[in-house]
Amino acid sequence: MEEMTILITNEAKRELDKLLENSDKKCIRILTRCITMTSQAKLDFELDNPKEDDNLYDVDGYKVIINKVLDSQMNYITISYGGLLSRGEFCVEADFNFYY
């Protein structure tokens, strides 16, 4: 299994700093979230504390946690903020290793 690569864009770092400043939770948890019962799950994040079944990554001073099972399915994660399709919103994208 390849090592996880995580990129957090500069715009996302600025917005994450604001969120983390006002939170008692100091880690960024990557997770899947289903918007409706008929739509596919998407990657998202929330502020949280590490649990026993998590992997912890230090990304430019940001603590990123991912459940070990979910982590084993991904090779690369990008956390961004803003852009053409997500103005004023965070976006979490991943390269899933289903075909590796």
PDB file of N, CA and C in Angstrom:
ATOM      1  N   MET A   1       0.842  -1.190   0.000  1.00  0.00           N
ATOM      2  CA  MET A   1       0.000   0.000   0.000  1.00  0.00           C
ATOM      3  C   MET A   1       0.882   1.246   0.000  1.00  0.00           C
ATOM      4  N   GLU A   2       0.537   2.208  -0.840  1.00  0.00           N
ATOM      5  CA  GLU A   2       1.287   3.452  -0.919  1.00  0.00           C
ATOM      6  C   GLU A   2       0.980   4.334   0.291  1.00  0.00           C
ATOM      7  N   GLU A   3       1.927   5.206   0.591  1.00  0.00           N
ATOM      8  CA  GLU A   3       1.719   6.151   1.681  1.00  0.00           C
ATOM      9  C   GLU A   3       0.731   7.233   1.257  1.00  0.00           C
ATOM     10  N   MET A   4      -0.093   7.670   2.192  1.00  0.00           N
ATOM     11  CA  MET A   4      -1.095   8.699   1.933  1.00  0.00           C
ATOM     12  C   MET A   4      -0.419  10.043   1.654  1.00  0.00           C
ATOM     13  N   THR A   5      -0.863  10.720   0.626  1.00  0.00           N
ATOM     14  CA  THR A   5      -0.431  12.074   0.332  1.00  0.00           C
ATOM     15  C   THR A   5      -1.630  12.986   0.540  1.00  0.00           C
ATOM     16  N   ILE A   6      -1.450  14.029   1.339  1.00  0.00           N
ATOM     17  CA  ILE A   6      -2.539  14.963   1.631  1.00  0.00           C
ATOM     18  C   ILE A   6      -2.061  16.368   1.299  1.00  0.00           C
ATOM     19  N   LEU A   7      -2.850  17.074   0.506  1.00  0.00           N
ATOM     20  CA  LEU A   7      -2.566  18.454   0.141  1.00  0.00           C
ATOM     21  C   LEU A   7      -3.678  19.336   0.694  1.00  0.00           C
ATOM     22  N   ILE A   8      -3.301  20.406   1.364  1.00  0.00           N
ATOM     23  CA  ILE A   8      -4.259  21.413   1.812  1.00  0.00           C
ATOM     24  C   ILE A   8      -3.866  22.714   1.128  1.00  0.00           C
ATOM     25  N   THR A   9      -4.745  23.270   0.314  1.00  0.00           N
ATOM     26  CA  THR A   9      -4.414  24.492  -0.421  1.00  0.00           C
ATOM     27  C   THR A   9      -4.298  25.668   0.544  1.00  0.00           C
ATOM     28  N   ASN A  10      -3.614  26.711   0.095  1.00  0.00           N
ATOM     29  CA  ASN A  10      -3.436  27.902   0.936  1.00  0.00           C
ATOM     30  C   ASN A  10      -4.762  28.540   1.322  1.00  0.00           C
ATOM     31  N   GLU A  11      -5.710  28.570   0.379  1.00  0.00           N
ATOM     32  CA  GLU A  11      -7.027  29.142   0.678  1.00  0.00           C
ATOM     33  C   GLU A  11      -7.724  28.329   1.765  1.00  0.00           C
ATOM     34  N   ALA A  12      -7.623  27.006   1.673  1.00  0.00           N
ATOM     35  CA  ALA A  12      -8.231  26.137   2.682  1.00  0.00           C
ATOM     36  C   ALA A  12      -7.552  26.328   4.034  1.00  0.00           C
ATOM     37  N   LYS A  13      -6.242  26.499   4.044  1.00  0.00           N
ATOM     38  CA  LYS A  13      -5.519  26.720   5.302  1.00  0.00           C
ATOM     39  C   LYS A  13      -6.021  27.975   6.001  1.00  0.00           C
ATOM     40  N   ARG A  14      -6.232  29.042   5.252  1.00  0.00           N
ATOM     41  CA  ARG A  14      -6.731  30.290   5.851  1.00  0.00           C
ATOM     42  C   ARG A  14      -8.100  30.077   6.495  1.00  0.00           C
ATOM     43  N   GLU A  15      -8.983  29.361   5.807  1.00  0.00           N
ATOM     44  CA  GLU A  15     -10.326  29.116   6.349  1.00  0.00           C
ATOM     45  C   GLU A  15     -10.295  28.103   7.493  1.00  0.00           C
ATOM     46  N   LEU A  16      -9.439  27.094   7.397  1.00  0.00           N
ATOM     47  CA  LEU A  16      -9.306  26.123   8.486  1.00  0.00           C
ATOM     48  C   LEU A  16      -8.782  26.796   9.752  1.00  0.00           C
ATOM     49  N   ASP A  17      -7.855  27.737   9.591  1.00  0.00           N
ATOM     50  CA  ASP A  17      -7.335  28.466  10.754  1.00  0.00           C
ATOM     51  C   ASP A  17      -8.467  29.150  11.510  1.00  0.00           C
ATOM     52  N   LYS A  18      -9.402  29.729  10.784  1.00  0.00           N
ATOM     53  CA  LYS A  18     -10.553  30.394  11.417  1.00  0.00           C
ATOM     54  C   LYS A  18     -11.417  29.393  12.178  1.00  0.00           C
ATOM     55  N   LEU A  19     -11.664  28.237  11.567  1.00  0.00           N
ATOM     56  CA  LEU A  19     -12.481  27.210  12.223  1.00  0.00           C
ATOM     57  C   LEU A  19     -11.792  26.650  13.461  1.00  0.00           C
ATOM     58  N   LEU A  20     -10.515  26.346  13.329  1.00  0.00           N
ATOM     59  CA  LEU A  20      -9.776  25.733  14.434  1.00  0.00           C
ATOM     60  C   LEU A  20      -9.582  26.696  15.604  1.00  0.00           C
ATOM     61  N   GLU A  21      -9.481  27.988  15.291  1.00  0.00           N
ATOM     62  CA  GLU A  21      -9.284  28.996  16.333  1.00  0.00           C
ATOM     63  C   GLU A  21     -10.436  29.015  17.334  1.00  0.00           C
ATOM     64  N   ASN A  22     -11.644  28.744  16.858  1.00  0.00           N
ATOM     65  CA  ASN A  22     -12.835  28.817  17.703  1.00  0.00           C
ATOM     66  C   ASN A  22     -13.355  27.453  18.131  1.00  0.00           C
ATOM     67  N   SER A  23     -12.524  26.417  18.038  1.00  0.00           N
ATOM     68  CA  SER A  23     -12.987  25.073  18.344  1.00  0.00           C
ATOM     69  C   SER A  23     -12.108  24.433  19.419  1.00  0.00           C
ATOM     70  N   ASP A  24     -12.714  23.592  20.240  1.00  0.00           N
ATOM     71  CA  ASP A  24     -11.934  22.824  21.205  1.00  0.00           C
ATOM     72  C   ASP A  24     -11.347  21.574  20.561  1.00  0.00           C
ATOM     73  N   LYS A  25     -11.768  21.261  19.356  1.00  0.00           N
ATOM     74  CA  LYS A  25     -11.250  20.114  18.607  1.00  0.00           C
ATOM     75  C   LYS A  25     -10.130  20.626  17.701  1.00  0.00           C
ATOM     76  N   LYS A  26      -9.039  19.914  17.670  1.00  0.00           N
ATOM     77  CA  LYS A  26      -7.853  20.410  16.976  1.00  0.00           C
ATOM     78  C   LYS A  26      -7.434  19.571  15.779  1.00  0.00           C
ATOM     79  N   CYS A  27      -8.265  18.594  15.389  1.00  0.00           N
ATOM     80  CA  CYS A  27      -7.931  17.736  14.245  1.00  0.00           C
ATOM     81  C   CYS A  27      -9.003  17.857  13.173  1.00  0.00           C
ATOM     82  N   ILE A  28      -8.595  17.588  11.946  1.00  0.00           N
ATOM     83  CA  ILE A  28      -9.491  17.601  10.794  1.00  0.00           C
ATOM     84  C   ILE A  28      -9.764  16.143  10.434  1.00  0.00           C
ATOM     85  N   ARG A  29     -10.998  15.707  10.611  1.00  0.00           N
ATOM     86  CA  ARG A  29     -11.376  14.324  10.300  1.00  0.00           C
ATOM     87  C   ARG A  29     -11.925  14.250   8.877  1.00  0.00           C
ATOM     88  N   ILE A  30     -11.319  13.393   8.048  1.00  0.00           N
ATOM     89  CA  ILE A  30     -11.835  13.112   6.713  1.00  0.00           C
ATOM     90  C   ILE A  30     -12.846  11.983   6.858  1.00  0.00           C
ATOM     91  N   LEU A  31     -14.024  12.155   6.264  1.00  0.00           N
ATOM     92  CA  LEU A  31     -15.076  11.146   6.376  1.00  0.00           C
ATOM     93  C   LEU A  31     -15.950  11.165   5.141  1.00  0.00           C
ATOM     94  N   THR A  32     -16.791  10.134   5.034  1.00  0.00           N
ATOM     95  CA  THR A  32     -17.772  10.118   3.957  1.00  0.00           C
ATOM     96  C   THR A  32     -19.099  10.589   4.527  1.00  0.00           C
ATOM     97  N   ARG A  33     -19.852  11.271   3.698  1.00  0.00           N
ATOM     98  CA  ARG A  33     -21.137  11.792   4.123  1.00  0.00           C
ATOM     99  C   ARG A  33     -22.131  11.589   2.983  1.00  0.00           C
ATOM    100  N   CYS A  34     -23.292  11.083   3.307  1.00  0.00           N
ATOM    101  CA  CYS A  34     -24.355  10.885   2.318  1.00  0.00           C
ATOM    102  C   CYS A  34     -25.333  12.041   2.456  1.00  0.00           C
ATOM    103  N   ILE A  35     -25.570  12.747   1.379  1.00  0.00           N
ATOM    104  CA  ILE A  35     -26.439  13.911   1.424  1.00  0.00           C
ATOM    105  C   ILE A  35     -27.899  13.490   1.473  1.00  0.00           C
ATOM    106  N   THR A  36     -28.290  12.571   0.634  1.00  0.00           N
ATOM    107  CA  THR A  36     -29.649  12.024   0.662  1.00  0.00           C
ATOM    108  C   THR A  36     -29.552  10.512   0.467  1.00  0.00           C
ATOM    109  N   MET A  37     -30.633   9.828   0.711  1.00  0.00           N
ATOM    110  CA  MET A  37     -30.610   8.374   0.564  1.00  0.00           C
ATOM    111  C   MET A  37     -30.423   7.929  -0.879  1.00  0.00           C
ATOM    112  N   THR A  38     -30.736   8.803  -1.828  1.00  0.00           N
ATOM    113  CA  THR A  38     -30.627   8.425  -3.234  1.00  0.00           C
ATOM    114  C   THR A  38     -29.360   8.949  -3.897  1.00  0.00           C
ATOM    115  N   SER A  39     -28.543   9.717  -3.174  1.00  0.00           N
ATOM    116  CA  SER A  39     -27.318  10.236  -3.773  1.00  0.00           C
ATOM    117  C   SER A  39     -26.117   9.456  -3.258  1.00  0.00           C
ATOM    118  N   GLN A  40     -25.046   9.522  -4.007  1.00  0.00           N
ATOM    119  CA  GLN A  40     -23.829   8.839  -3.608  1.00  0.00           C
ATOM    120  C   GLN A  40     -23.155   9.602  -2.475  1.00  0.00           C
ATOM    121  N   ALA A  41     -22.391   8.884  -1.680  1.00  0.00           N
ATOM    122  CA  ALA A  41     -21.638   9.514  -0.606  1.00  0.00           C
ATOM    123  C   ALA A  41     -20.531  10.382  -1.197  1.00  0.00           C
ATOM    124  N   LYS A  42     -20.148  11.402  -0.467  1.00  0.00           N
ATOM    125  CA  LYS A  42     -19.038  12.248  -0.879  1.00  0.00           C
ATOM    126  C   LYS A  42     -18.097  12.414   0.298  1.00  0.00           C
ATOM    127  N   LEU A  43     -16.873  12.793   0.013  1.00  0.00           N
ATOM    128  CA  LEU A  43     -15.916  13.045   1.078  1.00  0.00           C
ATOM    129  C   LEU A  43     -16.177  14.416   1.670  1.00  0.00           C
ATOM    130  N   ASP A  44     -15.968  14.512   2.959  1.00  0.00           N
ATOM    131  CA  ASP A  44     -16.163  15.757   3.671  1.00  0.00           C
ATOM    132  C   ASP A  44     -15.192  15.763   4.838  1.00  0.00           C
ATOM    133  N   PHE A  45     -15.255  16.785   5.677  1.00  0.00           N
ATOM    134  CA  PHE A  45     -14.440  16.789   6.887  1.00  0.00           C
ATOM    135  C   PHE A  45     -15.226  17.449   8.003  1.00  0.00           C
ATOM    136  N   GLU A  46     -14.793  17.194   9.217  1.00  0.00           N
ATOM    137  CA  GLU A  46     -15.319  17.857  10.397  1.00  0.00           C
ATOM    138  C   GLU A  46     -14.180  17.963  11.395  1.00  0.00           C
ATOM    139  N   LEU A  47     -14.302  18.866  12.332  1.00  0.00           N
ATOM    140  CA  LEU A  47     -13.307  18.970  13.385  1.00  0.00           C
ATOM    141  C   LEU A  47     -13.627  17.924  14.438  1.00  0.00           C
ATOM    142  N   ASP A  48     -12.609  17.226  14.903  1.00  0.00           N
ATOM    143  CA  ASP A  48     -12.826  16.112  15.816  1.00  0.00           C
ATOM    144  C   ASP A  48     -11.534  15.833  16.568  1.00  0.00           C
ATOM    145  N   ASN A  49     -11.599  14.872  17.471  1.00  0.00           N
ATOM    146  CA  ASN A  49     -10.421  14.388  18.186  1.00  0.00           C
ATOM    147  C   ASN A  49     -10.138  12.959  17.732  1.00  0.00           C
ATOM    148  N   PRO A  50      -8.864  12.547  17.752  1.00  0.00           N
ATOM    149  CA  PRO A  50      -8.513  11.202  17.292  1.00  0.00           C
ATOM    150  C   PRO A  50      -9.137  10.104  18.147  1.00  0.00           C
ATOM    151  N   LYS A  51      -9.406   8.979  17.476  1.00  0.00           N
ATOM    152  CA  LYS A  51      -9.918   7.785  18.143  1.00  0.00           C
ATOM    153  C   LYS A  51      -8.915   6.651  17.919  1.00  0.00           C
ATOM    154  N   GLU A  52      -9.108   5.577  18.610  1.00  0.00           N
ATOM    155  CA  GLU A  52      -8.168   4.454  18.555  1.00  0.00           C
ATOM    156  C   GLU A  52      -8.045   3.854  17.154  1.00  0.00           C
ATOM    157  N   ASP A  53      -9.127   3.882  16.374  1.00  0.00           N
ATOM    158  CA  ASP A  53      -9.104   3.260  15.049  1.00  0.00           C
ATOM    159  C   ASP A  53      -8.819   4.267  13.922  1.00  0.00           C
ATOM    160  N   ASP A  54      -8.093   5.342  14.249  1.00  0.00           N
ATOM    161  CA  ASP A  54      -7.739   6.378  13.277  1.00  0.00           C
ATOM    162  C   ASP A  54      -6.253   6.350  12.969  1.00  0.00           C
ATOM    163  N   ASN A  55      -5.914   6.797  11.765  1.00  0.00           N
ATOM    164  CA  ASN A  55      -4.540   7.145  11.425  1.00  0.00           C
ATOM    165  C   ASN A  55      -4.432   8.654  11.536  1.00  0.00           C
ATOM    166  N   LEU A  56      -3.307   9.131  12.037  1.00  0.00           N
ATOM    167  CA  LEU A  56      -3.085  10.560  12.239  1.00  0.00           C
ATOM    168  C   LEU A  56      -1.953  11.012  11.330  1.00  0.00           C
ATOM    169  N   TYR A  57      -2.183  12.108  10.600  1.00  0.00           N
ATOM    170  CA  TYR A  57      -1.182  12.682   9.712  1.00  0.00           C
ATOM    171  C   TYR A  57      -0.931  14.130  10.101  1.00  0.00           C
ATOM    172  N   ASP A  58       0.304  14.552  10.009  1.00  0.00           N
ATOM    173  CA  ASP A  58       0.657  15.957  10.209  1.00  0.00           C
ATOM    174  C   ASP A  58       0.908  16.543   8.830  1.00  0.00           C
ATOM    175  N   VAL A  59       0.067  17.484   8.432  1.00  0.00           N
ATOM    176  CA  VAL A  59       0.163  18.101   7.108  1.00  0.00           C
ATOM    177  C   VAL A  59       0.399  19.594   7.308  1.00  0.00           C
ATOM    178  N   ASP A  60       1.633  20.022   7.163  1.00  0.00           N
ATOM    179  CA  ASP A  60       1.995  21.433   7.333  1.00  0.00           C
ATOM    180  C   ASP A  60       1.504  21.984   8.672  1.00  0.00           C
ATOM    181  N   GLY A  61       1.574  21.177   9.723  1.00  0.00           N
ATOM    182  CA  GLY A  61       1.141  21.620  11.043  1.00  0.00           C
ATOM    183  C   GLY A  61      -0.324  21.364  11.351  1.00  0.00           C
ATOM    184  N   TYR A  62      -1.090  20.913  10.375  1.00  0.00           N
ATOM    185  CA  TYR A  62      -2.501  20.558  10.590  1.00  0.00           C
ATOM    186  C   TYR A  62      -2.574  19.063  10.885  1.00  0.00           C
ATOM    187  N   LYS A  63      -3.336  18.703  11.878  1.00  0.00           N
ATOM    188  CA  LYS A  63      -3.516  17.294  12.240  1.00  0.00           C
ATOM    189  C   LYS A  63      -4.736  16.768  11.486  1.00  0.00           C
ATOM    190  N   VAL A  64      -4.510  15.787  10.621  1.00  0.00           N
ATOM    191  CA  VAL A  64      -5.578  15.187   9.822  1.00  0.00           C
ATOM    192  C   VAL A  64      -5.759  13.748  10.293  1.00  0.00           C
ATOM    193  N   ILE A  65      -7.002  13.390  10.618  1.00  0.00           N
ATOM    194  CA  ILE A  65      -7.290  12.034  11.059  1.00  0.00           C
ATOM    195  C   ILE A  65      -8.258  11.367  10.089  1.00  0.00           C
ATOM    196  N   ILE A  66      -8.009  10.062   9.872  1.00  0.00           N
ATOM    197  CA  ILE A  66      -8.835   9.277   8.957  1.00  0.00           C
ATOM    198  C   ILE A  66      -9.009   7.898   9.569  1.00  0.00           C
ATOM    199  N   ASN A  67     -10.228   7.414   9.585  1.00  0.00           N
ATOM    200  CA  ASN A  67     -10.479   6.061  10.043  1.00  0.00           C
ATOM    201  C   ASN A  67      -9.611   5.112   9.224  1.00  0.00           C
ATOM    202  N   LYS A  68      -9.021   4.118   9.870  1.00  0.00           N
ATOM    203  CA  LYS A  68      -8.081   3.218   9.200  1.00  0.00           C
ATOM    204  C   LYS A  68      -8.691   2.485   8.004  1.00  0.00           C
ATOM    205  N   VAL A  69      -9.958   2.118   8.101  1.00  0.00           N
ATOM    206  CA  VAL A  69     -10.608   1.414   6.986  1.00  0.00           C
ATOM    207  C   VAL A  69     -10.756   2.355   5.787  1.00  0.00           C
ATOM    208  N   LEU A  70     -11.240   3.560   6.011  1.00  0.00           N
ATOM    209  CA  LEU A  70     -11.373   4.538   4.926  1.00  0.00           C
ATOM    210  C   LEU A  70      -9.991   4.895   4.384  1.00  0.00           C
ATOM    211  N   ASP A  71      -9.043   5.084   5.263  1.00  0.00           N
ATOM    212  CA  ASP A  71      -7.682   5.443   4.866  1.00  0.00           C
ATOM    213  C   ASP A  71      -7.083   4.400   3.926  1.00  0.00           C
ATOM    214  N   SER A  72      -7.360   3.137   4.165  1.00  0.00           N
ATOM    215  CA  SER A  72      -6.798   2.071   3.338  1.00  0.00           C
ATOM    216  C   SER A  72      -7.333   2.088   1.907  1.00  0.00           C
ATOM    217  N   GLN A  73      -8.390   2.841   1.663  1.00  0.00           N
ATOM    218  CA  GLN A  73      -9.008   2.882   0.342  1.00  0.00           C
ATOM    219  C   GLN A  73      -8.557   4.078  -0.495  1.00  0.00           C
ATOM    220  N   MET A  74      -7.708   4.950   0.073  1.00  0.00           N
ATOM    221  CA  MET A  74      -7.309   6.173  -0.625  1.00  0.00           C
ATOM    222  C   MET A  74      -5.799   6.301  -0.686  1.00  0.00           C
ATOM    223  N   ASN A  75      -5.314   6.968  -1.735  1.00  0.00           N
ATOM    224  CA  ASN A  75      -3.891   7.255  -1.877  1.00  0.00           C
ATOM    225  C   ASN A  75      -3.583   8.739  -1.753  1.00  0.00           C
ATOM    226  N   TYR A  76      -4.528   9.592  -2.119  1.00  0.00           N
ATOM    227  CA  TYR A  76      -4.248  11.010  -2.242  1.00  0.00           C
ATOM    228  C   TYR A  76      -5.501  11.792  -1.870  1.00  0.00           C
ATOM    229  N   ILE A  77      -5.345  12.831  -1.048  1.00  0.00           N
ATOM    230  CA  ILE A  77      -6.476  13.674  -0.654  1.00  0.00           C
ATOM    231  C   ILE A  77      -6.088  15.126  -0.877  1.00  0.00           C
ATOM    232  N   THR A  78      -7.026  15.909  -1.405  1.00  0.00           N
ATOM    233  CA  THR A  78      -6.855  17.352  -1.533  1.00  0.00           C
ATOM    234  C   THR A  78      -8.003  18.040  -0.804  1.00  0.00           C
ATOM    235  N   ILE A  79      -7.661  18.976   0.073  1.00  0.00           N
ATOM    236  CA  ILE A  79      -8.660  19.815   0.739  1.00  0.00           C
ATOM    237  C   ILE A  79      -8.473  21.214   0.181  1.00  0.00           C
ATOM    238  N   SER A  80      -9.515  21.728  -0.458  1.00  0.00           N
ATOM    239  CA  SER A  80      -9.434  23.059  -1.055  1.00  0.00           C
ATOM    240  C   SER A  80     -10.608  23.905  -0.579  1.00  0.00           C
ATOM    241  N   TYR A  81     -10.536  25.189  -0.895  1.00  0.00           N
ATOM    242  CA  TYR A  81     -11.616  26.109  -0.531  1.00  0.00           C
ATOM    243  C   TYR A  81     -11.815  27.062  -1.699  1.00  0.00           C
ATOM    244  N   GLY A  82     -13.071  27.255  -2.063  1.00  0.00           N
ATOM    245  CA  GLY A  82     -13.386  28.173  -3.154  1.00  0.00           C
ATOM    246  C   GLY A  82     -13.149  27.535  -4.508  1.00  0.00           C
ATOM    247  N   GLY A  83     -13.142  28.350  -5.514  1.00  0.00           N
ATOM    248  CA  GLY A  83     -12.956  27.853  -6.874  1.00  0.00           C
ATOM    249  C   GLY A  83     -14.236  27.995  -7.675  1.00  0.00           C
ATOM    250  N   LEU A  84     -14.188  27.592  -8.917  1.00  0.00           N
ATOM    251  CA  LEU A  84     -15.324  27.759  -9.824  1.00  0.00           C
ATOM    252  C   LEU A  84     -16.574  27.021  -9.364  1.00  0.00           C
ATOM    253  N   LEU A  85     -16.416  25.788  -8.899  1.00  0.00           N
ATOM    254  CA  LEU A  85     -17.590  24.982  -8.562  1.00  0.00           C
ATOM    255  C   LEU A  85     -17.932  25.001  -7.078  1.00  0.00           C
ATOM    256  N   SER A  86     -17.094  25.604  -6.260  1.00  0.00           N
ATOM    257  CA  SER A  86     -17.371  25.578  -4.821  1.00  0.00           C
ATOM    258  C   SER A  86     -17.033  26.916  -4.162  1.00  0.00           C
ATOM    259  N   ARG A  87     -17.549  27.984  -4.717  1.00  0.00           N
ATOM    260  CA  ARG A  87     -17.288  29.308  -4.137  1.00  0.00           C
ATOM    261  C   ARG A  87     -17.795  29.357  -2.705  1.00  0.00           C
ATOM    262  N   GLY A  88     -16.912  29.775  -1.799  1.00  0.00           N
ATOM    263  CA  GLY A  88     -17.298  29.918  -0.409  1.00  0.00           C
ATOM    264  C   GLY A  88     -17.510  28.600   0.313  1.00  0.00           C
ATOM    265  N   GLU A  89     -17.003  27.498  -0.243  1.00  0.00           N
ATOM    266  CA  GLU A  89     -17.176  26.178   0.363  1.00  0.00           C
ATOM    267  C   GLU A  89     -15.865  25.401   0.308  1.00  0.00           C
ATOM    268  N   PHE A  90     -15.737  24.462   1.243  1.00  0.00           N
ATOM    269  CA  PHE A  90     -14.626  23.526   1.202  1.00  0.00           C
ATOM    270  C   PHE A  90     -14.955  22.401   0.234  1.00  0.00           C
ATOM    271  N   CYS A  91     -13.917  21.804  -0.322  1.00  0.00           N
ATOM    272  CA  CYS A  91     -14.069  20.642  -1.187  1.00  0.00           C
ATOM    273  C   CYS A  91     -12.993  19.630  -0.794  1.00  0.00           C
ATOM    274  N   VAL A  92     -13.392  18.382  -0.594  1.00  0.00           N
ATOM    275  CA  VAL A  92     -12.458  17.307  -0.274  1.00  0.00           C
ATOM    276  C   VAL A  92     -12.537  16.295  -1.405  1.00  0.00           C
ATOM    277  N   GLU A  93     -11.407  16.062  -2.054  1.00  0.00           N
ATOM    278  CA  GLU A  93     -11.341  15.120  -3.161  1.00  0.00           C
ATOM    279  C   GLU A  93     -10.274  14.081  -2.862  1.00  0.00           C
ATOM    280  N   ALA A  94     -10.475  12.881  -3.369  1.00  0.00           N
ATOM    281  CA  ALA A  94      -9.516  11.803  -3.120  1.00  0.00           C
ATOM    282  C   ALA A  94      -9.330  10.942  -4.351  1.00  0.00           C
ATOM    283  N   ASP A  95      -8.173  10.323  -4.404  1.00  0.00           N
ATOM    284  CA  ASP A  95      -7.875   9.293  -5.385  1.00  0.00           C
ATOM    285  C   ASP A  95      -8.043   7.969  -4.669  1.00  0.00           C
ATOM    286  N   PHE A  96      -9.110   7.252  -5.005  1.00  0.00           N
ATOM    287  CA  PHE A  96      -9.367   5.962  -4.381  1.00  0.00           C
ATOM    288  C   PHE A  96      -8.553   4.901  -5.101  1.00  0.00           C
ATOM    289  N   ASN A  97      -8.003   3.966  -4.344  1.00  0.00           N
ATOM    290  CA  ASN A  97      -7.094   2.986  -4.923  1.00  0.00           C
ATOM    291  C   ASN A  97      -7.791   1.670  -5.265  1.00  0.00           C
ATOM    292  N   PHE A  98      -9.019   1.753  -5.720  1.00  0.00           N
ATOM    293  CA  PHE A  98      -9.755   0.543  -6.087  1.00  0.00           C
ATOM    294  C   PHE A  98      -9.073  -0.232  -7.201  1.00  0.00           C
ATOM    295  N   TYR A  99      -8.335   0.458  -8.055  1.00  0.00           N
ATOM    296  CA  TYR A  99      -7.761  -0.191  -9.222  1.00  0.00           C
ATOM    297  C   TYR A  99      -6.278  -0.454  -9.097  1.00  0.00           C
ATOM    298  N   TYR A 100      -5.708  -0.293  -7.925  1.00  0.00           N
ATOM    299  CA  TYR A 100      -4.269  -0.468  -7.735  1.00  0.00           C
ATOM    300  C   TYR A 100      -3.959  -1.816  -7.169  1.00  0.00           C
TER     301      TYR A 100
END
